Amino acid sequence: MIAVGSMLSRRVFAVFDGLGAAGYLGHLAYDVFQDSMMSPFVLTIIGLGVIYLGITWQRYEEMIRGKFRGLLSLSVRELIERRY
């Protein structure tokens, strides 16, 4: 969903995907890995990775969006460009 949001220039897809991922990680932490000693460390590493990816995404957003849009058909690209 994050890739689709970037292709279509819709940040709402990325926001709701982030909320869904956070909810699923919460489910894993509280229900599935309830008695595991390593789960807090693993979730911390995953969280730091997400923060790093977010910073990298923000830095190279235009380049990433351009590459993703290159995967779309010409008619869809024109439709997106007309919207702006």
N, C-alpha and C. Protein backbone atom coordinates (compact mmCIF):
# COMPACT_ATOMS: atom_id res chain seq x y z
N MET A 1 0.82 -1.19 0.00
CA MET A 1 0.00 0.00 0.00
C MET A 1 0.86 1.26 0.00
N ILE A 2 2.02 1.20 0.61
CA ILE A 2 2.89 2.36 0.61
C ILE A 2 3.37 2.65 -0.80
N ALA A 3 3.72 1.61 -1.54
CA ALA A 3 4.17 1.79 -2.92
C ALA A 3 3.04 2.34 -3.79
N VAL A 4 1.83 1.84 -3.61
CA VAL A 4 0.69 2.33 -4.37
C VAL A 4 0.42 3.79 -4.03
N GLY A 5 0.51 4.13 -2.75
CA GLY A 5 0.33 5.52 -2.35
C GLY A 5 1.35 6.44 -2.98
N SER A 6 2.58 5.96 -3.11
CA SER A 6 3.62 6.77 -3.73
C SER A 6 3.38 6.91 -5.22
N MET A 7 2.95 5.85 -5.87
CA MET A 7 2.69 5.92 -7.31
C MET A 7 1.58 6.91 -7.61
N LEU A 8 0.53 6.88 -6.80
CA LEU A 8 -0.64 7.71 -7.06
C LEU A 8 -0.61 9.04 -6.33
N SER A 9 0.47 9.32 -5.60
CA SER A 9 0.62 10.55 -4.81
C SER A 9 -0.50 10.70 -3.79
N ARG A 10 -0.79 9.62 -3.12
CA ARG A 10 -1.81 9.62 -2.07
C ARG A 10 -1.17 9.20 -0.76
N ARG A 11 -0.94 10.15 0.10
CA ARG A 11 -0.29 9.85 1.38
C ARG A 11 -1.21 9.09 2.32
N VAL A 12 -2.51 9.15 2.07
CA VAL A 12 -3.45 8.47 2.95
C VAL A 12 -3.21 6.96 2.93
N PHE A 13 -2.78 6.40 1.79
CA PHE A 13 -2.46 4.98 1.74
C PHE A 13 -1.30 4.65 2.66
N ALA A 14 -0.29 5.47 2.65
CA ALA A 14 0.88 5.24 3.50
C ALA A 14 0.52 5.38 4.98
N VAL A 15 -0.32 6.37 5.30
CA VAL A 15 -0.69 6.59 6.70
C VAL A 15 -1.48 5.40 7.23
N PHE A 16 -2.48 4.95 6.49
CA PHE A 16 -3.28 3.83 6.98
C PHE A 16 -2.51 2.52 6.96
N ASP A 17 -1.57 2.37 6.03
CA ASP A 17 -0.72 1.19 6.06
C ASP A 17 0.18 1.21 7.29
N GLY A 18 0.68 2.37 7.65
CA GLY A 18 1.49 2.48 8.86
C GLY A 18 0.70 2.16 10.11
N LEU A 19 -0.55 2.64 10.16
CA LEU A 19 -1.40 2.31 11.30
C LEU A 19 -1.72 0.82 11.36
N GLY A 20 -1.96 0.22 10.21
CA GLY A 20 -2.22 -1.22 10.18
C GLY A 20 -1.01 -2.02 10.60
N ALA A 21 0.16 -1.62 10.16
CA ALA A 21 1.38 -2.32 10.55
C ALA A 21 1.63 -2.19 12.05
N ALA A 22 1.39 -1.00 12.59
CA ALA A 22 1.57 -0.80 14.03
C ALA A 22 0.57 -1.63 14.82
N GLY A 23 -0.65 -1.70 14.35
CA GLY A 23 -1.65 -2.54 15.02
C GLY A 23 -1.28 -4.01 14.99
N TYR A 24 -0.79 -4.48 13.86
CA TYR A 24 -0.39 -5.88 13.75
C TYR A 24 0.81 -6.18 14.64
N LEU A 25 1.78 -5.28 14.69
CA LEU A 25 2.93 -5.47 15.58
C LEU A 25 2.49 -5.47 17.04
N GLY A 26 1.50 -4.65 17.38
CA GLY A 26 0.94 -4.67 18.73
C GLY A 26 0.29 -6.00 19.04
N HIS A 27 -0.45 -6.53 18.08
CA HIS A 27 -1.06 -7.86 18.25
C HIS A 27 0.02 -8.92 18.48
N LEU A 28 1.07 -8.87 17.67
CA LEU A 28 2.16 -9.84 17.85
C LEU A 28 2.80 -9.70 19.22
N ALA A 29 3.02 -8.48 19.66
CA ALA A 29 3.70 -8.25 20.94
C ALA A 29 2.86 -8.72 22.13
N TYR A 30 1.56 -8.46 22.10
CA TYR A 30 0.74 -8.76 23.27
C TYR A 30 0.12 -10.14 23.26
N ASP A 31 -0.14 -10.71 22.11
CA ASP A 31 -0.82 -12.00 22.06
C ASP A 31 0.10 -13.16 21.67
N VAL A 32 0.82 -13.00 20.60
CA VAL A 32 1.60 -14.12 20.06
C VAL A 32 2.89 -14.33 20.84
N PHE A 33 3.65 -13.26 21.07
CA PHE A 33 4.94 -13.37 21.74
C PHE A 33 4.87 -12.85 23.17
N GLN A 34 3.80 -13.17 23.86
CA GLN A 34 3.54 -12.65 25.19
C GLN A 34 4.64 -13.01 26.20
N ASP A 35 5.13 -14.23 26.18
CA ASP A 35 6.11 -14.67 27.17
C ASP A 35 7.53 -14.73 26.62
N SER A 36 7.78 -14.12 25.50
CA SER A 36 9.11 -14.16 24.89
C SER A 36 9.97 -13.03 25.45
N MET A 37 11.20 -13.36 25.76
CA MET A 37 12.13 -12.36 26.30
C MET A 37 12.76 -11.52 25.17
N MET A 38 12.84 -12.06 23.97
CA MET A 38 13.49 -11.37 22.86
C MET A 38 12.56 -10.42 22.10
N SER A 39 11.25 -10.56 22.25
CA SER A 39 10.33 -9.76 21.45
C SER A 39 10.49 -8.25 21.65
N PRO A 40 10.73 -7.73 22.87
CA PRO A 40 10.93 -6.28 22.97
C PRO A 40 12.16 -5.79 22.19
N PHE A 41 13.20 -6.59 22.18
CA PHE A 41 14.40 -6.20 21.44
C PHE A 41 14.17 -6.23 19.94
N VAL A 42 13.50 -7.27 19.49
CA VAL A 42 13.20 -7.39 18.06
C VAL A 42 12.28 -6.26 17.61
N LEU A 43 11.26 -5.96 18.40
CA LEU A 43 10.35 -4.87 18.04
C LEU A 43 11.06 -3.52 18.07
N THR A 44 12.01 -3.35 18.97
CA THR A 44 12.79 -2.11 19.00
C THR A 44 13.63 -1.98 17.74
N ILE A 45 14.25 -3.06 17.30
CA ILE A 45 15.05 -3.04 16.08
C ILE A 45 14.16 -2.76 14.87
N ILE A 46 12.98 -3.37 14.84
CA ILE A 46 12.05 -3.12 13.74
C ILE A 46 11.63 -1.65 13.75
N GLY A 47 11.35 -1.10 14.92
CA GLY A 47 10.96 0.30 15.02
C GLY A 47 12.04 1.25 14.55
N LEU A 48 13.29 0.97 14.94
CA LEU A 48 14.40 1.80 14.48
C LEU A 48 14.57 1.70 12.97
N GLY A 49 14.34 0.49 12.42
CA GLY A 49 14.40 0.31 10.97
C GLY A 49 13.33 1.11 10.25
N VAL A 50 12.14 1.14 10.82
CA VAL A 50 11.04 1.91 10.22
C VAL A 50 11.36 3.40 10.26
N ILE A 51 11.93 3.87 11.36
CA ILE A 51 12.32 5.28 11.44
C ILE A 51 13.37 5.61 10.40
N TYR A 52 14.36 4.73 10.25
CA TYR A 52 15.41 4.94 9.25
C TYR A 52 14.82 4.97 7.84
N LEU A 53 13.93 4.04 7.55
CA LEU A 53 13.30 4.02 6.22
C LEU A 53 12.46 5.28 5.98
N GLY A 54 11.80 5.77 7.01
CA GLY A 54 11.02 7.00 6.87
C GLY A 54 11.89 8.20 6.56
N ILE A 55 13.03 8.30 7.24
CA ILE A 55 13.96 9.41 6.97
C ILE A 55 14.53 9.30 5.56
N THR A 56 14.90 8.08 5.17
CA THR A 56 15.43 7.87 3.82
C THR A 56 14.36 8.17 2.77
N TRP A 57 13.14 7.75 3.02
CA TRP A 57 12.03 8.02 2.10
C TRP A 57 11.84 9.52 1.93
N GLN A 58 11.85 10.25 3.03
CA GLN A 58 11.65 11.69 2.95
C GLN A 58 12.76 12.37 2.17
N ARG A 59 13.98 11.89 2.33
CA ARG A 59 15.12 12.49 1.64
C ARG A 59 15.05 12.26 0.13
N TYR A 60 14.63 11.08 -0.29
CA TYR A 60 14.64 10.70 -1.71
C TYR A 60 13.23 10.50 -2.28
N GLU A 61 12.25 11.20 -1.72
CA GLU A 61 10.86 10.97 -2.11
C GLU A 61 10.60 11.22 -3.59
N GLU A 62 11.12 12.30 -4.12
CA GLU A 62 10.86 12.61 -5.53
C GLU A 62 11.46 11.54 -6.46
N MET A 63 12.65 11.09 -6.16
CA MET A 63 13.28 10.06 -6.99
C MET A 63 12.51 8.74 -6.91
N ILE A 64 12.09 8.37 -5.71
CA ILE A 64 11.33 7.12 -5.54
C ILE A 64 10.00 7.22 -6.26
N ARG A 65 9.32 8.35 -6.10
CA ARG A 65 8.03 8.53 -6.77
C ARG A 65 8.19 8.46 -8.28
N GLY A 66 9.25 9.04 -8.81
CA GLY A 66 9.49 8.98 -10.25
C GLY A 66 9.73 7.57 -10.75
N LYS A 67 10.47 6.79 -9.97
CA LYS A 67 10.71 5.40 -10.37
C LYS A 67 9.43 4.58 -10.32
N PHE A 68 8.62 4.80 -9.28
CA PHE A 68 7.36 4.07 -9.19
C PHE A 68 6.41 4.46 -10.32
N ARG A 69 6.37 5.75 -10.63
CA ARG A 69 5.49 6.19 -11.71
C ARG A 69 5.93 5.66 -13.06
N GLY A 70 7.20 5.38 -13.20
CA GLY A 70 7.69 4.79 -14.44
C GLY A 70 7.10 3.40 -14.69
N LEU A 71 6.62 2.75 -13.64
CA LEU A 71 6.01 1.43 -13.76
C LEU A 71 4.56 1.49 -14.23
N LEU A 72 3.96 2.67 -14.15
CA LEU A 72 2.56 2.83 -14.53
C LEU A 72 2.43 3.01 -16.04
N SER A 73 1.24 2.73 -16.53
CA SER A 73 0.99 2.95 -17.95
C SER A 73 0.90 4.45 -18.23
N LEU A 74 1.06 4.80 -19.49
CA LEU A 74 1.07 6.21 -19.89
C LEU A 74 -0.25 6.90 -19.56
N SER A 75 -1.36 6.22 -19.77
CA SER A 75 -2.66 6.85 -19.51
C SER A 75 -2.85 7.14 -18.02
N VAL A 76 -2.40 6.25 -17.15
CA VAL A 76 -2.52 6.48 -15.71
C VAL A 76 -1.60 7.61 -15.28
N ARG A 77 -0.38 7.65 -15.83
CA ARG A 77 0.54 8.75 -15.51
C ARG A 77 -0.04 10.10 -15.91
N GLU A 78 -0.65 10.16 -17.10
CA GLU A 78 -1.26 11.41 -17.55
C GLU A 78 -2.42 11.81 -16.65
N LEU A 79 -3.18 10.83 -16.19
CA LEU A 79 -4.30 11.11 -15.30
C LEU A 79 -3.80 11.69 -13.98
N ILE A 80 -2.71 11.15 -13.45
CA ILE A 80 -2.15 11.66 -12.20
C ILE A 80 -1.61 13.06 -12.39
N GLU A 81 -0.92 13.31 -13.49
CA GLU A 81 -0.34 14.63 -13.75
C GLU A 81 -1.42 15.69 -13.96
N ARG A 82 -2.54 15.32 -14.57
CA ARG A 82 -3.64 16.27 -14.80
C ARG A 82 -4.29 16.68 -13.48
N ARG A 83 -4.21 15.81 -12.50
CA ARG A 83 -4.84 16.09 -11.21
C ARG A 83 -4.17 17.26 -10.52
N TYR A 84 -2.91 17.52 -10.83
CA TYR A 84 -2.18 18.63 -10.21
C TYR A 84 -2.24 19.79 -11.10
